[in-house]
């Protein structure tokens, strides 16, 4: 199989809560509240826990916000 025929996978971009909140232009506490109140915000992608921190998939976050705007 040549390098040209191999599938290309999208690069996943991960960010801490403060970085993810800045990316979507909200206060980090808003993103934390949305994550705590999953019943009210089911469209929000779940973050991964790394130690005490959360890591957000920025691609999934962007896609969820775009879907809500449509």
N, C-alpha and C. Protein backbone atom coordinates (compact mmCIF):
# COMPACT_ATOMS: atom_id res chain seq x y z
N UNK A 1 0.85 -1.17 0.00
CA UNK A 1 0.00 0.00 0.00
C UNK A 1 0.91 1.24 0.00
N UNK A 2 0.70 2.10 -0.93
CA UNK A 2 1.54 3.29 -1.02
C UNK A 2 1.04 4.35 -0.04
N UNK A 3 1.89 5.32 0.23
CA UNK A 3 1.54 6.39 1.16
C UNK A 3 0.37 7.22 0.65
N UNK A 4 0.22 7.28 -0.68
CA UNK A 4 -0.87 8.07 -1.26
C UNK A 4 -2.23 7.43 -1.07
N UNK A 5 -2.29 6.09 -0.97
CA UNK A 5 -3.57 5.42 -0.86
C UNK A 5 -4.01 5.19 0.58
N UNK A 6 -3.18 5.55 1.54
CA UNK A 6 -3.55 5.38 2.93
C UNK A 6 -4.58 6.44 3.32
N UNK A 7 -5.57 6.07 4.12
CA UNK A 7 -6.58 7.06 4.53
C UNK A 7 -5.95 8.11 5.46
N UNK A 8 -6.43 9.30 5.34
CA UNK A 8 -5.97 10.36 6.24
C UNK A 8 -7.05 10.59 7.29
N UNK A 9 -6.65 10.62 8.51
CA UNK A 9 -7.56 10.81 9.63
C UNK A 9 -7.51 12.27 10.06
N UNK A 10 -8.64 12.83 10.45
CA UNK A 10 -8.61 14.21 10.92
C UNK A 10 -7.80 14.33 12.22
N UNK A 11 -7.06 15.38 12.32
CA UNK A 11 -6.26 15.62 13.52
C UNK A 11 -7.17 16.11 14.62
N UNK A 12 -7.14 15.44 15.76
CA UNK A 12 -7.96 15.86 16.89
C UNK A 12 -7.19 16.89 17.68
N UNK A 13 -7.85 17.99 17.97
CA UNK A 13 -7.23 19.05 18.74
C UNK A 13 -7.82 19.02 20.15
N UNK A 14 -6.96 18.88 21.16
CA UNK A 14 -7.40 18.80 22.54
C UNK A 14 -6.97 20.05 23.29
N UNK A 15 -7.82 20.51 24.21
CA UNK A 15 -7.50 21.72 24.98
C UNK A 15 -8.07 21.59 26.39
N UNK A 16 -7.40 22.26 27.32
CA UNK A 16 -7.92 22.34 28.69
C UNK A 16 -9.18 23.20 28.68
N UNK A 17 -9.91 23.18 29.79
CA UNK A 17 -11.17 23.91 29.87
C UNK A 17 -11.00 25.40 29.58
N UNK A 18 -9.98 26.02 30.14
CA UNK A 18 -9.79 27.46 29.92
C UNK A 18 -9.50 27.75 28.45
N UNK A 19 -8.70 26.89 27.81
CA UNK A 19 -8.38 27.09 26.40
C UNK A 19 -9.61 26.83 25.52
N UNK A 20 -10.38 25.79 25.84
CA UNK A 20 -11.57 25.46 25.07
C UNK A 20 -12.61 26.58 25.20
N UNK A 21 -12.76 27.13 26.39
CA UNK A 21 -13.71 28.23 26.60
C UNK A 21 -13.29 29.45 25.79
N UNK A 22 -12.00 29.75 25.77
CA UNK A 22 -11.52 30.88 24.97
C UNK A 22 -11.75 30.61 23.49
N UNK A 23 -11.61 29.38 23.07
CA UNK A 23 -11.80 29.01 21.67
C UNK A 23 -13.24 29.28 21.21
N UNK A 24 -14.21 28.99 22.10
CA UNK A 24 -15.61 29.22 21.73
C UNK A 24 -16.14 30.54 22.28
N UNK A 25 -15.26 31.33 22.87
CA UNK A 25 -15.55 32.68 23.34
C UNK A 25 -16.62 32.73 24.44
N UNK A 26 -16.43 31.86 25.44
CA UNK A 26 -17.26 31.92 26.64
C UNK A 26 -16.33 31.88 27.84
N UNK A 27 -16.86 32.27 28.97
CA UNK A 27 -16.11 32.20 30.22
C UNK A 27 -15.91 30.73 30.60
N UNK A 28 -14.75 30.37 31.14
CA UNK A 28 -14.53 28.97 31.54
C UNK A 28 -15.60 28.44 32.50
N UNK A 29 -16.12 29.29 33.36
CA UNK A 29 -17.18 28.84 34.28
C UNK A 29 -18.45 28.46 33.53
N UNK A 30 -18.72 29.10 32.42
CA UNK A 30 -19.89 28.75 31.60
C UNK A 30 -19.71 27.34 31.05
N UNK A 31 -18.54 27.05 30.51
CA UNK A 31 -18.28 25.71 29.98
C UNK A 31 -18.34 24.66 31.09
N UNK A 32 -17.82 24.99 32.26
CA UNK A 32 -17.91 24.06 33.40
C UNK A 32 -19.36 23.82 33.80
N UNK A 33 -20.17 24.88 33.83
CA UNK A 33 -21.59 24.75 34.18
C UNK A 33 -22.32 23.91 33.15
N UNK A 34 -22.05 24.15 31.87
CA UNK A 34 -22.68 23.35 30.82
C UNK A 34 -22.32 21.88 31.01
N UNK A 35 -21.09 21.60 31.38
CA UNK A 35 -20.66 20.22 31.58
C UNK A 35 -21.34 19.59 32.79
N UNK A 36 -21.54 20.36 33.85
CA UNK A 36 -22.21 19.83 35.05
C UNK A 36 -23.69 19.59 34.79
N UNK A 37 -24.34 20.47 34.02
CA UNK A 37 -25.78 20.38 33.77
C UNK A 37 -26.05 19.70 32.44
N UNK A 38 -25.63 18.46 32.32
CA UNK A 38 -25.77 17.70 31.08
C UNK A 38 -27.21 17.58 30.62
N UNK A 39 -28.17 17.57 31.55
CA UNK A 39 -29.58 17.45 31.17
C UNK A 39 -30.03 18.65 30.35
N UNK A 40 -29.51 19.82 30.66
CA UNK A 40 -29.89 21.04 29.95
C UNK A 40 -29.09 21.23 28.66
N UNK A 41 -27.91 20.64 28.57
CA UNK A 41 -27.02 20.84 27.43
C UNK A 41 -26.57 19.50 26.85
N UNK A 42 -27.51 18.70 26.34
CA UNK A 42 -27.13 17.36 25.83
C UNK A 42 -26.29 17.42 24.56
N UNK A 43 -26.27 18.54 23.88
CA UNK A 43 -25.51 18.71 22.64
C UNK A 43 -24.00 18.85 22.89
N UNK A 44 -23.62 19.16 24.13
CA UNK A 44 -22.23 19.40 24.46
C UNK A 44 -21.44 18.08 24.45
N UNK A 45 -20.34 18.01 23.68
CA UNK A 45 -19.54 16.77 23.70
C UNK A 45 -18.88 16.57 25.06
N UNK A 46 -18.74 15.32 25.46
CA UNK A 46 -18.14 15.03 26.76
C UNK A 46 -16.63 15.18 26.69
N UNK A 47 -16.05 15.83 27.69
CA UNK A 47 -14.58 15.94 27.72
C UNK A 47 -13.96 14.67 28.29
N UNK A 48 -12.67 14.52 28.06
CA UNK A 48 -11.91 13.41 28.66
C UNK A 48 -11.27 13.94 29.94
N UNK A 49 -11.27 13.11 30.97
CA UNK A 49 -10.61 13.50 32.22
C UNK A 49 -9.16 13.03 32.17
N UNK A 50 -8.25 13.97 32.43
CA UNK A 50 -6.83 13.67 32.50
C UNK A 50 -6.36 14.18 33.85
N UNK A 51 -6.19 13.24 34.78
CA UNK A 51 -5.87 13.63 36.15
C UNK A 51 -7.05 14.39 36.74
N UNK A 52 -6.80 15.61 37.21
CA UNK A 52 -7.87 16.45 37.77
C UNK A 52 -8.49 17.35 36.71
N UNK A 53 -7.88 17.42 35.54
CA UNK A 53 -8.33 18.33 34.49
C UNK A 53 -9.19 17.62 33.46
N UNK A 54 -9.92 18.42 32.70
CA UNK A 54 -10.66 17.92 31.55
C UNK A 54 -9.95 18.37 30.30
N UNK A 55 -10.03 17.54 29.25
CA UNK A 55 -9.53 17.91 27.94
C UNK A 55 -10.71 17.85 26.98
N UNK A 56 -10.89 18.91 26.23
CA UNK A 56 -12.00 19.04 25.29
C UNK A 56 -11.50 18.83 23.87
N UNK A 57 -12.24 18.06 23.10
CA UNK A 57 -11.94 17.87 21.68
C UNK A 57 -12.51 19.09 20.96
N UNK A 58 -11.63 19.97 20.50
CA UNK A 58 -12.08 21.22 19.88
C UNK A 58 -12.84 20.97 18.58
N UNK A 59 -12.49 19.91 17.85
CA UNK A 59 -13.23 19.59 16.62
C UNK A 59 -14.68 19.23 16.96
N UNK A 60 -14.88 18.41 17.98
CA UNK A 60 -16.22 18.01 18.38
C UNK A 60 -17.00 19.20 18.94
N UNK A 61 -16.32 20.06 19.67
CA UNK A 61 -16.96 21.24 20.23
C UNK A 61 -17.42 22.18 19.12
N UNK A 62 -16.56 22.40 18.13
CA UNK A 62 -16.92 23.23 16.98
C UNK A 62 -18.11 22.65 16.23
N UNK A 63 -18.08 21.34 16.00
CA UNK A 63 -19.17 20.67 15.27
C UNK A 63 -20.49 20.78 16.03
N UNK A 64 -20.45 20.62 17.35
CA UNK A 64 -21.67 20.71 18.16
C UNK A 64 -22.25 22.12 18.11
N UNK A 65 -21.40 23.12 18.18
CA UNK A 65 -21.88 24.50 18.12
C UNK A 65 -22.42 24.84 16.74
N UNK A 66 -21.79 24.35 15.69
CA UNK A 66 -22.28 24.60 14.34
C UNK A 66 -23.64 23.94 14.13
N UNK A 67 -23.82 22.74 14.66
CA UNK A 67 -25.10 22.04 14.53
C UNK A 67 -26.21 22.78 15.26
N UNK A 68 -25.88 23.42 16.37
CA UNK A 68 -26.90 24.17 17.12
C UNK A 68 -27.31 25.44 16.38
N UNK A 69 -26.39 26.02 15.59
CA UNK A 69 -26.68 27.26 14.88
C UNK A 69 -27.58 27.04 13.68
N UNK A 70 -27.60 25.80 13.14
CA UNK A 70 -28.41 25.53 11.95
C UNK A 70 -29.87 25.48 12.23
